[in-house]
Amino acid sequence: YPLPLRWADADAYGHVNNSLFLTYLEEARTRMFQDMLPVDE
């Protein structure tokens, strides 16, 4: 998954805060699973 970075992801040091890496994993995993999971709630 080609994940776009958001300007707000950068911390005071100019790099992506480590806590956001879990969010990045979740986003990629969710997109991967879209073709596997049912469409209805």
PDB file of all heavy atoms in Angstrom:
ATOM      1  N   TYR A   1       0.850  -1.188   0.000  1.00  0.00           N
ATOM      2  CA  TYR A   1       0.000   0.000   0.000  1.00  0.00           C
ATOM      3  C   TYR A   1       0.888   1.241   0.000  1.00  0.00           C
ATOM      4  O   TYR A   1       1.680   1.433   0.923  1.00  0.00           O
ATOM      5  CB  TYR A   1      -0.912   0.013   1.233  1.00  0.00           C
ATOM      6  CG  TYR A   1      -1.704   1.287   1.356  1.00  0.00           C
ATOM      7  CD1 TYR A   1      -2.609   1.660   0.370  1.00  0.00           C
ATOM      8  CD2 TYR A   1      -1.531   2.131   2.437  1.00  0.00           C
ATOM      9  CE1 TYR A   1      -3.330   2.829   0.468  1.00  0.00           C
ATOM     10  CE2 TYR A   1      -2.256   3.308   2.548  1.00  0.00           C
ATOM     11  CZ  TYR A   1      -3.150   3.656   1.549  1.00  0.00           C
ATOM     12  OH  TYR A   1      -3.863   4.818   1.647  1.00  0.00           O
ATOM     13  N   PRO A   2       0.788   2.075  -1.053  1.00  0.00           N
ATOM     14  CA  PRO A   2       1.557   3.326  -1.072  1.00  0.00           C
ATOM     15  C   PRO A   2       0.871   4.364  -0.172  1.00  0.00           C
ATOM     16  O   PRO A   2      -0.133   4.961  -0.554  1.00  0.00           O
ATOM     17  CB  PRO A   2       1.552   3.742  -2.544  1.00  0.00           C
ATOM     18  CG  PRO A   2       0.366   3.053  -3.139  1.00  0.00           C
ATOM     19  CD  PRO A   2       0.060   1.858  -2.285  1.00  0.00           C
ATOM     20  N   LEU A   3       1.394   4.540   1.021  1.00  0.00           N
ATOM     21  CA  LEU A   3       0.760   5.374   2.037  1.00  0.00           C
ATOM     22  C   LEU A   3       1.215   6.831   1.916  1.00  0.00           C
ATOM     23  O   LEU A   3       2.403   7.115   2.057  1.00  0.00           O
ATOM     24  CB  LEU A   3       1.115   4.850   3.427  1.00  0.00           C
ATOM     25  CG  LEU A   3       0.504   5.653   4.559  1.00  0.00           C
ATOM     26  CD1 LEU A   3      -0.621   4.852   5.192  1.00  0.00           C
ATOM     27  CD2 LEU A   3       1.537   5.997   5.586  1.00  0.00           C
ATOM     28  N   PRO A   4       0.277   7.735   1.684  1.00  0.00           N
ATOM     29  CA  PRO A   4       0.657   9.151   1.671  1.00  0.00           C
ATOM     30  C   PRO A   4       0.895   9.651   3.101  1.00  0.00           C
ATOM     31  O   PRO A   4       0.121   9.336   4.009  1.00  0.00           O
ATOM     32  CB  PRO A   4      -0.545   9.845   1.034  1.00  0.00           C
ATOM     33  CG  PRO A   4      -1.695   8.912   1.221  1.00  0.00           C
ATOM     34  CD  PRO A   4      -1.126   7.527   1.360  1.00  0.00           C
ATOM     35  N   LEU A   5       1.967  10.373   3.286  1.00  0.00           N
ATOM     36  CA  LEU A   5       2.243  10.965   4.593  1.00  0.00           C
ATOM     37  C   LEU A   5       1.460  12.263   4.726  1.00  0.00           C
ATOM     38  O   LEU A   5       1.201  12.954   3.738  1.00  0.00           O
ATOM     39  CB  LEU A   5       3.734  11.237   4.756  1.00  0.00           C
ATOM     40  CG  LEU A   5       4.642  10.009   4.655  1.00  0.00           C
ATOM     41  CD1 LEU A   5       6.101  10.423   4.754  1.00  0.00           C
ATOM     42  CD2 LEU A   5       4.299   8.996   5.725  1.00  0.00           C
ATOM     43  N   ARG A   6       1.097  12.582   5.940  1.00  0.00           N
ATOM     44  CA  ARG A   6       0.388  13.833   6.222  1.00  0.00           C
ATOM     45  C   ARG A   6       1.334  14.775   6.961  1.00  0.00           C
ATOM     46  O   ARG A   6       2.103  14.329   7.822  1.00  0.00           O
ATOM     47  CB  ARG A   6      -0.865  13.542   7.059  1.00  0.00           C
ATOM     48  CG  ARG A   6      -1.877  12.675   6.308  1.00  0.00           C
ATOM     49  CD  ARG A   6      -2.919  12.091   7.229  1.00  0.00           C
ATOM     50  NE  ARG A   6      -2.403  11.053   8.093  1.00  0.00           N
ATOM     51  CZ  ARG A   6      -2.397   9.750   7.803  1.00  0.00           C
ATOM     52  NH1 ARG A   6      -2.850   9.331   6.655  1.00  0.00           N
ATOM     53  NH2 ARG A   6      -1.921   8.871   8.659  1.00  0.00           N
ATOM     54  N   TRP A   7       1.261  16.043   6.633  1.00  0.00           N
ATOM     55  CA  TRP A   7       2.145  17.015   7.260  1.00  0.00           C
ATOM     56  C   TRP A   7       2.023  16.950   8.783  1.00  0.00           C
ATOM     57  O   TRP A   7       3.005  17.040   9.511  1.00  0.00           O
ATOM     58  CB  TRP A   7       1.830  18.426   6.739  1.00  0.00           C
ATOM     59  CG  TRP A   7       2.714  19.456   7.325  1.00  0.00           C
ATOM     60  CD1 TRP A   7       3.978  19.787   6.932  1.00  0.00           C
ATOM     61  CD2 TRP A   7       2.416  20.289   8.444  1.00  0.00           C
ATOM     62  NE1 TRP A   7       4.486  20.771   7.729  1.00  0.00           N
ATOM     63  CE2 TRP A   7       3.548  21.108   8.678  1.00  0.00           C
ATOM     64  CE3 TRP A   7       1.310  20.429   9.291  1.00  0.00           C
ATOM     65  CZ2 TRP A   7       3.597  22.040   9.697  1.00  0.00           C
ATOM     66  CZ3 TRP A   7       1.369  21.359  10.301  1.00  0.00           C
ATOM     67  CH2 TRP A   7       2.495  22.149  10.497  1.00  0.00           C
ATOM     68  N   ALA A   8       0.804  16.732   9.273  1.00  0.00           N
ATOM     69  CA  ALA A   8       0.565  16.675  10.719  1.00  0.00           C
ATOM     70  C   ALA A   8       1.204  15.453  11.373  1.00  0.00           C
ATOM     71  O   ALA A   8       1.289  15.389  12.602  1.00  0.00           O
ATOM     72  CB  ALA A   8      -0.933  16.689  11.003  1.00  0.00           C
ATOM     73  N   ASP A   9       1.665  14.481  10.591  1.00  0.00           N
ATOM     74  CA  ASP A   9       2.322  13.298  11.146  1.00  0.00           C
ATOM     75  C   ASP A   9       3.716  13.615  11.692  1.00  0.00           C
ATOM     76  O   ASP A   9       4.239  12.864  12.515  1.00  0.00           O
ATOM     77  CB  ASP A   9       2.470  12.199  10.082  1.00  0.00           C
ATOM     78  CG  ASP A   9       1.136  11.609   9.656  1.00  0.00           C
ATOM     79  OD1 ASP A   9       0.109  11.928  10.295  1.00  0.00           O
ATOM     80  OD2 ASP A   9       1.124  10.836   8.687  1.00  0.00           O
ATOM     81  N   ALA A  10       4.302  14.703  11.228  1.00  0.00           N
ATOM     82  CA  ALA A  10       5.659  15.053  11.654  1.00  0.00           C
ATOM     83  C   ALA A  10       5.627  15.704  13.042  1.00  0.00           C
ATOM     84  O   ALA A  10       4.747  16.494  13.355  1.00  0.00           O
ATOM     85  CB  ALA A  10       6.296  16.002  10.643  1.00  0.00           C
ATOM     86  N   ASP A  11       6.599  15.338  13.865  1.00  0.00           N
ATOM     87  CA  ASP A  11       6.692  15.923  15.200  1.00  0.00           C
ATOM     88  C   ASP A  11       7.654  17.117  15.189  1.00  0.00           C
ATOM     89  O   ASP A  11       8.085  17.570  14.132  1.00  0.00           O
ATOM     90  CB  ASP A  11       7.097  14.871  16.235  1.00  0.00           C
ATOM     91  CG  ASP A  11       8.453  14.246  15.955  1.00  0.00           C
ATOM     92  OD1 ASP A  11       9.245  14.816  15.170  1.00  0.00           O
ATOM     93  OD2 ASP A  11       8.736  13.188  16.540  1.00  0.00           O
ATOM     94  N   ALA A  12       7.990  17.620  16.348  1.00  0.00           N
ATOM     95  CA  ALA A  12       8.848  18.805  16.459  1.00  0.00           C
ATOM     96  C   ALA A  12      10.236  18.578  15.861  1.00  0.00           C
ATOM     97  O   ALA A  12      10.919  19.524  15.503  1.00  0.00           O
ATOM     98  CB  ALA A  12       8.969  19.221  17.920  1.00  0.00           C
ATOM     99  N   TYR A  13      10.645  17.318  15.740  1.00  0.00           N
ATOM    100  CA  TYR A  13      11.949  17.003  15.163  1.00  0.00           C
ATOM    101  C   TYR A  13      11.895  16.834  13.644  1.00  0.00           C
ATOM    102  O   TYR A  13      12.916  16.567  13.016  1.00  0.00           O
ATOM    103  CB  TYR A  13      12.515  15.727  15.794  1.00  0.00           C
ATOM    104  CG  TYR A  13      12.673  15.841  17.288  1.00  0.00           C
ATOM    105  CD1 TYR A  13      11.860  15.107  18.137  1.00  0.00           C
ATOM    106  CD2 TYR A  13      13.622  16.705  17.836  1.00  0.00           C
ATOM    107  CE1 TYR A  13      11.995  15.224  19.514  1.00  0.00           C
ATOM    108  CE2 TYR A  13      13.749  16.822  19.210  1.00  0.00           C
ATOM    109  CZ  TYR A  13      12.942  16.081  20.039  1.00  0.00           C
ATOM    110  OH  TYR A  13      13.062  16.197  21.400  1.00  0.00           O
ATOM    111  N   GLY A  14      10.684  16.938  13.068  1.00  0.00           N
ATOM    112  CA  GLY A  14      10.539  16.836  11.625  1.00  0.00           C
ATOM    113  C   GLY A  14      10.371  15.421  11.111  1.00  0.00           C
ATOM    114  O   GLY A  14      10.324  15.209   9.905  1.00  0.00           O
ATOM    115  N   HIS A  15      10.304  14.440  12.011  1.00  0.00           N
ATOM    116  CA  HIS A  15      10.077  13.079  11.529  1.00  0.00           C
ATOM    117  C   HIS A  15       8.746  12.557  12.052  1.00  0.00           C
ATOM    118  O   HIS A  15       8.140  13.124  12.955  1.00  0.00           O
ATOM    119  CB  HIS A  15      11.234  12.143  11.838  1.00  0.00           C
ATOM    120  CG  HIS A  15      11.577  11.984  13.287  1.00  0.00           C
ATOM    121  ND1 HIS A  15      10.700  12.088  14.321  1.00  0.00           N
ATOM    122  CD2 HIS A  15      12.760  11.688  13.868  1.00  0.00           C
ATOM    123  CE1 HIS A  15      11.294  11.872  15.469  1.00  0.00           C
ATOM    124  NE2 HIS A  15      12.557  11.628  15.220  1.00  0.00           N
ATOM    125  N   VAL A  16       8.289  11.487  11.419  1.00  0.00           N
ATOM    126  CA  VAL A  16       7.009  10.889  11.781  1.00  0.00           C
ATOM    127  C   VAL A  16       7.129  10.297  13.183  1.00  0.00           C
ATOM    128  O   VAL A  16       8.051   9.540  13.467  1.00  0.00           O
ATOM    129  CB  VAL A  16       6.607   9.804  10.761  1.00  0.00           C
ATOM    130  CG1 VAL A  16       5.354   9.069  11.215  1.00  0.00           C
ATOM    131  CG2 VAL A  16       6.387  10.433   9.390  1.00  0.00           C
ATOM    132  N   ASN A  17       6.191  10.651  14.031  1.00  0.00           N
ATOM    133  CA  ASN A  17       6.195  10.150  15.398  1.00  0.00           C
ATOM    134  C   ASN A  17       5.998   8.640  15.392  1.00  0.00           C
ATOM    135  O   ASN A  17       5.175   8.110  14.643  1.00  0.00           O
ATOM    136  CB  ASN A  17       5.090  10.833  16.200  1.00  0.00           C
ATOM    137  CG  ASN A  17       5.163  10.503  17.658  1.00  0.00           C
ATOM    138  OD1 ASN A  17       4.767   9.421  18.070  1.00  0.00           O
ATOM    139  ND2 ASN A  17       5.694  11.428  18.440  1.00  0.00           N
ATOM    140  N   ASN A  18       6.736   7.947  16.239  1.00  0.00           N
ATOM    141  CA  ASN A  18       6.694   6.477  16.245  1.00  0.00           C
ATOM    142  C   ASN A  18       5.295   5.925  16.515  1.00  0.00           C
ATOM    143  O   ASN A  18       4.960   4.845  16.051  1.00  0.00           O
ATOM    144  CB  ASN A  18       7.707   5.904  17.236  1.00  0.00           C
ATOM    145  CG  ASN A  18       7.400   6.288  18.665  1.00  0.00           C
ATOM    146  OD1 ASN A  18       6.842   7.347  18.940  1.00  0.00           O
ATOM    147  ND2 ASN A  18       7.774   5.441  19.594  1.00  0.00           N
ATOM    148  N   SER A  19       4.471   6.640  17.243  1.00  0.00           N
ATOM    149  CA  SER A  19       3.129   6.128  17.546  1.00  0.00           C
ATOM    150  C   SER A  19       2.274   5.998  16.287  1.00  0.00           C
ATOM    151  O   SER A  19       1.349   5.173  16.249  1.00  0.00           O
ATOM    152  CB  SER A  19       2.429   7.020  18.565  1.00  0.00           C
ATOM    153  OG  SER A  19       2.197   8.304  18.017  1.00  0.00           O
ATOM    154  N   LEU A  20       2.591   6.764  15.254  1.00  0.00           N
ATOM    155  CA  LEU A  20       1.795   6.712  14.030  1.00  0.00           C
ATOM    156  C   LEU A  20       2.091   5.480  13.182  1.00  0.00           C
ATOM    157  O   LEU A  20       1.308   5.120  12.312  1.00  0.00           O
ATOM    158  CB  LEU A  20       2.022   7.980  13.208  1.00  0.00           C
ATOM    159  CG  LEU A  20       1.393   9.223  13.846  1.00  0.00           C
ATOM    160  CD1 LEU A  20       1.857  10.475  13.153  1.00  0.00           C
ATOM    161  CD2 LEU A  20      -0.104   9.115  13.830  1.00  0.00           C
ATOM    162  N   PHE A  21       3.215   4.823  13.444  1.00  0.00           N
ATOM    163  CA  PHE A  21       3.548   3.643  12.655  1.00  0.00           C
ATOM    164  C   PHE A  21       2.470   2.565  12.808  1.00  0.00           C
ATOM    165  O   PHE A  21       2.150   1.864  11.855  1.00  0.00           O
ATOM    166  CB  PHE A  21       4.923   3.106  13.037  1.00  0.00           C
ATOM    167  CG  PHE A  21       6.058   3.879  12.415  1.00  0.00           C
ATOM    168  CD1 PHE A  21       6.245   5.223  12.693  1.00  0.00           C
ATOM    169  CD2 PHE A  21       6.947   3.259  11.563  1.00  0.00           C
ATOM    170  CE1 PHE A  21       7.285   5.934  12.137  1.00  0.00           C
ATOM    171  CE2 PHE A  21       8.004   3.958  10.990  1.00  0.00           C
ATOM    172  CZ  PHE A  21       8.168   5.304  11.275  1.00  0.00           C
ATOM    173  N   LEU A  22       1.894   2.426  14.000  1.00  0.00           N
ATOM    174  CA  LEU A  22       0.806   1.461  14.183  1.00  0.00           C
ATOM    175  C   LEU A  22      -0.418   1.840  13.353  1.00  0.00           C
ATOM    176  O   LEU A  22      -1.105   0.966  12.818  1.00  0.00           O
ATOM    177  CB  LEU A  22       0.429   1.337  15.655  1.00  0.00           C
ATOM    178  CG  LEU A  22       1.435   0.613  16.541  1.00  0.00           C
ATOM    179  CD1 LEU A  22       1.033   0.715  18.000  1.00  0.00           C
ATOM    180  CD2 LEU A  22       1.596  -0.832  16.120  1.00  0.00           C
ATOM    181  N   THR A  23      -0.678   3.124  13.237  1.00  0.00           N
ATOM    182  CA  THR A  23      -1.777   3.591  12.389  1.00  0.00           C
ATOM    183  C   THR A  23      -1.492   3.257  10.932  1.00  0.00           C
ATOM    184  O   THR A  23      -2.391   2.842  10.195  1.00  0.00           O
ATOM    185  CB  THR A  23      -1.991   5.108  12.566  1.00  0.00           C
ATOM    186  OG1 THR A  23      -2.264   5.366  13.944  1.00  0.00           O
ATOM    187  CG2 THR A  23      -3.126   5.617  11.709  1.00  0.00           C
ATOM    188  N   TYR A  24      -0.245   3.410  10.502  1.00  0.00           N
ATOM    189  CA  TYR A  24       0.127   3.070   9.126  1.00  0.00           C
ATOM    190  C   TYR A  24      -0.074   1.576   8.862  1.00  0.00           C
ATOM    191  O   TYR A  24      -0.567   1.184   7.810  1.00  0.00           O
ATOM    192  CB  TYR A  24       1.584   3.444   8.855  1.00  0.00           C
ATOM    193  CG  TYR A  24       1.881   4.920   8.868  1.00  0.00           C
ATOM    194  CD1 TYR A  24       3.191   5.361   8.801  1.00  0.00           C
ATOM    195  CD2 TYR A  24       0.880   5.887   8.946  1.00  0.00           C
ATOM    196  CE1 TYR A  24       3.490   6.711   8.806  1.00  0.00           C
ATOM    197  CE2 TYR A  24       1.176   7.240   8.957  1.00  0.00           C
ATOM    198  CZ  TYR A  24       2.491   7.649   8.882  1.00  0.00           C
ATOM    199  OH  TYR A  24       2.797   8.982   8.877  1.00  0.00           O
ATOM    200  N   LEU A  25       0.294   0.738   9.828  1.00  0.00           N
ATOM    201  CA  LEU A  25       0.089  -0.709   9.676  1.00  0.00           C
ATOM    202  C   LEU A  25      -1.400  -1.018   9.554  1.00  0.00           C
ATOM    203  O   LEU A  25      -1.826  -1.821   8.709  1.00  0.00           O
ATOM    204  CB  LEU A  25       0.678  -1.466  10.858  1.00  0.00           C
ATOM    205  CG  LEU A  25       2.155  -1.268  11.181  1.00  0.00           C
ATOM    206  CD1 LEU A  25       2.550  -2.104  12.387  1.00  0.00           C
ATOM    207  CD2 LEU A  25       3.043  -1.554   9.990  1.00  0.00           C
ATOM    208  N   GLU A  26      -2.184  -0.391  10.416  1.00  0.00           N
ATOM    209  CA  GLU A  26      -3.626  -0.611  10.403  1.00  0.00           C
ATOM    210  C   GLU A  26      -4.235  -0.197   9.061  1.00  0.00           C
ATOM    211  O   GLU A  26      -5.084  -0.908   8.512  1.00  0.00           O
ATOM    212  CB  GLU A  26      -4.284   0.178  11.536  1.00  0.00           C
ATOM    213  CG  GLU A  26      -5.787   0.056  11.563  1.00  0.00           C
ATOM    214  CD  GLU A  26      -6.407   0.944  12.632  1.00  0.00           C
ATOM    215  OE1 GLU A  26      -5.964   2.091  12.803  1.00  0.00           O
ATOM    216  OE2 GLU A  26      -7.341   0.467  13.284  1.00  0.00           O
ATOM    217  N   GLU A  27      -3.807   0.927   8.536  1.00  0.00           N
ATOM    218  CA  GLU A  27      -4.357   1.410   7.269  1.00  0.00           C
ATOM    219  C   GLU A  27      -4.044   0.438   6.134  1.00  0.00           C
ATOM    220  O   GLU A  27      -4.910   0.086   5.339  1.00  0.00           O
ATOM    221  CB  GLU A  27      -3.827   2.799   6.948  1.00  0.00           C
ATOM    222  CG  GLU A  27      -4.512   3.411   5.761  1.00  0.00           C
ATOM    223  CD  GLU A  27      -4.241   4.899   5.615  1.00  0.00           C
ATOM    224  OE1 GLU A  27      -3.836   5.546   6.594  1.00  0.00           O
ATOM    225  OE2 GLU A  27      -4.459   5.389   4.503  1.00  0.00           O
ATOM    226  N   ALA A  28      -2.806  -0.031   6.061  1.00  0.00           N
ATOM    227  CA  ALA A  28      -2.431  -0.988   5.008  1.00  0.00           C
ATOM    228  C   ALA A  28      -3.185  -2.302   5.174  1.00  0.00           C
ATOM    229  O   ALA A  28      -3.697  -2.872   4.203  1.00  0.00           O
ATOM    230  CB  ALA A  28      -0.921  -1.211   5.027  1.00  0.00           C
ATOM    231  N   ARG A  29      -3.259  -2.796   6.404  1.00  0.00           N
ATOM    232  CA  ARG A  29      -3.957  -4.058   6.678  1.00  0.00           C
ATOM    233  C   ARG A  29      -5.436  -3.944   6.314  1.00  0.00           C
ATOM    234  O   ARG A  29      -6.010  -4.842   5.688  1.00  0.00           O
ATOM    235  CB  ARG A  29      -3.793  -4.421   8.151  1.00  0.00           C
ATOM    236  CG  ARG A  29      -4.513  -5.675   8.580  1.00  0.00           C
ATOM    237  CD  ARG A  29      -4.258  -5.989  10.056  1.00  0.00           C
ATOM    238  NE  ARG A  29      -4.791  -4.991  10.962  1.00  0.00           N
ATOM    239  CZ  ARG A  29      -4.060  -4.188  11.748  1.00  0.00           C
ATOM    240  NH1 ARG A  29      -2.742  -4.242  11.740  1.00  0.00           N
ATOM    241  NH2 ARG A  29      -4.641  -3.315  12.540  1.00  0.00           N
ATOM    242  N   THR A  30      -6.062  -2.848   6.667  1.00  0.00           N
ATOM    243  CA  THR A  30      -7.477  -2.635   6.371  1.00  0.00           C
ATOM    244  C   THR A  30      -7.718  -2.622   4.873  1.00  0.00           C
ATOM    245  O   THR A  30      -8.668  -3.231   4.379  1.00  0.00           O
ATOM    246  CB  THR A  30      -7.959  -1.314   7.010  1.00  0.00           C
ATOM    247  OG1 THR A  30      -7.772  -1.404   8.418  1.00  0.00           O
ATOM    248  CG2 THR A  30      -9.417  -1.051   6.705  1.00  0.00           C
ATOM    249  N   ARG A  31      -6.848  -1.965   4.136  1.00  0.00           N
ATOM    250  CA  ARG A  31      -6.995  -1.931   2.680  1.00  0.00           C
ATOM    251  C   ARG A  31      -6.769  -3.316   2.069  1.00  0.00           C
ATOM    252  O   ARG A  31      -7.450  -3.710   1.140  1.00  0.00           O
ATOM    253  CB  ARG A  31      -6.085  -0.893   2.078  1.00  0.00           C
ATOM    254  CG  ARG A  31      -6.555   0.514   2.438  1.00  0.00           C
ATOM    255  CD  ARG A  31      -5.660   1.588   1.875  1.00  0.00           C
ATOM    256  NE  ARG A  31      -6.088   2.889   2.306  1.00  0.00           N
ATOM    257  CZ  ARG A  31      -7.003   3.632   1.668  1.00  0.00           C
ATOM    258  NH1 ARG A  31      -7.575   3.183   0.579  1.00  0.00           N
ATOM    259  NH2 ARG A  31      -7.318   4.825   2.114  1.00  0.00           N
ATOM    260  N   MET A  32      -5.819  -4.052   2.600  1.00  0.00           N
ATOM    261  CA  MET A  32      -5.573  -5.416   2.127  1.00  0.00           C
ATOM    262  C   MET A  32      -6.803  -6.289   2.370  1.00  0.00           C
ATOM    263  O   MET A  32      -7.216  -7.060   1.501  1.00  0.00           O
ATOM    264  CB  MET A  32      -4.370  -6.009   2.846  1.00  0.00           C
ATOM    265  CG  MET A  32      -4.067  -7.445   2.529  1.00  0.00           C
ATOM    266  SD  MET A  32      -2.670  -7.990   3.551  1.00  0.00           S
ATOM    267  CE  MET A  32      -2.796  -9.749   3.415  1.00  0.00           C
ATOM    268  N   PHE A  33      -7.407  -6.166   3.541  1.00  0.00           N
ATOM    269  CA  PHE A  33      -8.543  -6.996   3.922  1.00  0.00           C
ATOM    270  C   PHE A  33      -9.838  -6.623   3.196  1.00  0.00           C
ATOM    271  O   PHE A  33     -10.805  -7.371   3.248  1.00  0.00           O
ATOM    272  CB  PHE A  33      -8.780  -6.927   5.427  1.00  0.00           C
ATOM    273  CG  PHE A  33      -7.853  -7.779   6.247  1.00  0.00           C
ATOM    274  CD1 PHE A  33      -6.696  -8.331   5.727  1.00  0.00           C
ATOM    275  CD2 PHE A  33      -8.141  -8.020   7.573  1.00  0.00           C
ATOM    276  CE1 PHE A  33      -5.848  -9.108   6.494  1.00  0.00           C
ATOM    277  CE2 PHE A  33      -7.304  -8.801   8.362  1.00  0.00           C
ATOM    278  CZ  PHE A  33      -6.157  -9.349   7.820  1.00  0.00           C
ATOM    279  N   GLN A  34      -9.907  -5.468   2.521  1.00  0.00           N
ATOM    280  CA  GLN A  34     -11.139  -5.037   1.864  1.00  0.00           C
ATOM    281  C   GLN A  34     -11.688  -6.088   0.910  1.00  0.00           C
ATOM    282  O   GLN A  34     -12.895  -6.252   0.790  1.00  0.00           O
ATOM    283  CB  GLN A  34     -10.931  -3.720   1.112  1.00  0.00           C
ATOM    284  CG  GLN A  34     -10.931  -2.516   1.999  1.00  0.00           C
ATOM    285  CD  GLN A  34     -10.698  -1.228   1.228  1.00  0.00           C
ATOM    286  OE1 GLN A  34     -10.184  -1.229   0.120  1.00  0.00           O
ATOM    287  NE2 GLN A  34     -11.055  -0.114   1.846  1.00  0.00           N
ATOM    288  N   ASP A  35     -10.790  -6.799   0.225  1.00  0.00           N
ATOM    289  CA  ASP A  35     -11.237  -7.810  -0.733  1.00  0.00           C
ATOM    290  C   ASP A  35     -11.637  -9.121  -0.064  1.00  0.00           C
ATOM    291  O   ASP A  35     -12.175 -10.000  -0.717  1.00  0.00           O
ATOM    292  CB  ASP A  35     -10.141  -8.083  -1.768  1.00  0.00           C
ATOM    293  CG  ASP A  35      -9.916  -6.907  -2.687  1.00  0.00           C
ATOM    294  OD1 ASP A  35     -10.852  -6.104  -2.876  1.00  0.00           O
ATOM    295  OD2 ASP A  35      -8.810  -6.785  -3.231  1.00  0.00           O
ATOM    296  N   MET A  36     -11.355  -9.269   1.220  1.00  0.00           N
ATOM    297  CA  MET A  36     -11.651 -10.507   1.925  1.00  0.00           C
ATOM    298  C   MET A  36     -12.906 -10.388   2.802  1.00  0.00           C
ATOM    299  O   MET A  36     -13.667 -11.337   2.936  1.00  0.00           O
ATOM    300  CB  MET A  36     -10.454 -10.901   2.811  1.00  0.00           C
ATOM    301  CG  MET A  36     -10.678 -12.161   3.632  1.00  0.00           C
ATOM    302  SD  MET A  36      -9.268 -12.623   4.645  1.00  0.00           S
ATOM    303  CE  MET A  36      -9.161 -11.274   5.812  1.00  0.00           C
ATOM    304  N   LEU A  37     -13.108  -9.250   3.412  1.00  0.00           N
ATOM    305  CA  LEU A  37     -14.202  -9.093   4.375  1.00  0.00           C
ATOM    306  C   LEU A  37     -15.535  -8.854   3.681  1.00  0.00           C
ATOM    307  O   LEU A  37     -15.590  -8.293   2.594  1.00  0.00           O
ATOM    308  CB  LEU A  37     -13.892  -7.933   5.324  1.00  0.00           C
ATOM    309  CG  LEU A  37     -12.675  -8.129   6.221  1.00  0.00           C
ATOM    310  CD1 LEU A  37     -12.414  -6.873   7.034  1.00  0.00           C
ATOM    311  CD2 LEU A  37     -12.853  -9.325   7.140  1.00  0.00           C
ATOM    312  N   PRO A  38     -16.633  -9.282   4.308  1.00  0.00           N
ATOM    313  CA  PRO A  38     -17.961  -9.028   3.734  1.00  0.00           C
ATOM    314  C   PRO A  38     -18.200  -7.523   3.567  1.00  0.00           C
ATOM    315  O   PRO A  38     -17.633  -6.705   4.280  1.00  0.00           O
ATOM    316  CB  PRO A  38     -18.914  -9.608   4.784  1.00  0.00           C
ATOM    317  CG  PRO A  38     -18.094 -10.544   5.597  1.00  0.00           C
ATOM    318  CD  PRO A  38     -16.698 -10.005   5.571  1.00  0.00           C
ATOM    319  N   VAL A  39     -19.078  -7.190   2.621  1.00  0.00           N
ATOM    320  CA  VAL A  39     -19.359  -5.776   2.370  1.00  0.00           C
ATOM    321  C   VAL A  39     -20.394  -5.207   3.330  1.00  0.00           C
ATOM    322  O   VAL A  39     -20.416  -4.009   3.588  1.00  0.00           O
ATOM    323  CB  VAL A  39     -19.810  -5.539   0.908  1.00  0.00           C
ATOM    324  CG1 VAL A  39     -18.663  -5.833  -0.051  1.00  0.00           C
ATOM    325  CG2 VAL A  39     -21.013  -6.364   0.550  1.00  0.00           C
ATOM    326  N   ASP A  40     -21.255  -6.066   3.879  1.00  0.00           N
ATOM    327  CA  ASP A  40     -22.304  -5.576   4.778  1.00  0.00           C
ATOM    328  C   ASP A  40     -21.787  -5.511   6.217  1.00  0.00           C
ATOM    329  O   ASP A  40     -20.920  -6.280   6.623  1.00  0.00           O
ATOM    330  CB  ASP A  40     -23.544  -6.466   4.699  1.00  0.00           C
ATOM    331  CG  ASP A  40     -23.269  -7.881   5.159  1.00  0.00           C
ATOM    332  OD1 ASP A  40     -22.464  -8.585   4.511  1.00  0.00           O
ATOM    333  OD2 ASP A  40     -23.842  -8.286   6.175  1.00  0.00           O
ATOM    334  N   GLU A  41     -22.347  -4.600   6.992  1.00  0.00           N
ATOM    335  CA  GLU A  41     -21.914  -4.385   8.372  1.00  0.00           C
ATOM    336  C   GLU A  41     -22.114  -5.621   9.244  1.00  0.00           C
ATOM    337  O   GLU A  41     -21.253  -5.970  10.041  1.00  0.00           O
ATOM    338  CB  GLU A  41     -22.650  -3.183   8.978  1.00  0.00           C
ATOM    339  CG  GLU A  41     -22.254  -2.857  10.399  1.00  0.00           C
ATOM    340  CD  GLU A  41     -20.792  -2.441  10.567  1.00  0.00           C
ATOM    341  OE1 GLU A  41     -20.188  -1.951   9.600  1.00  0.00           O
ATOM    342  OE2 GLU A  41     -20.250  -2.610  11.685  1.00  0.00           O
TER     343      GLU A  41
END
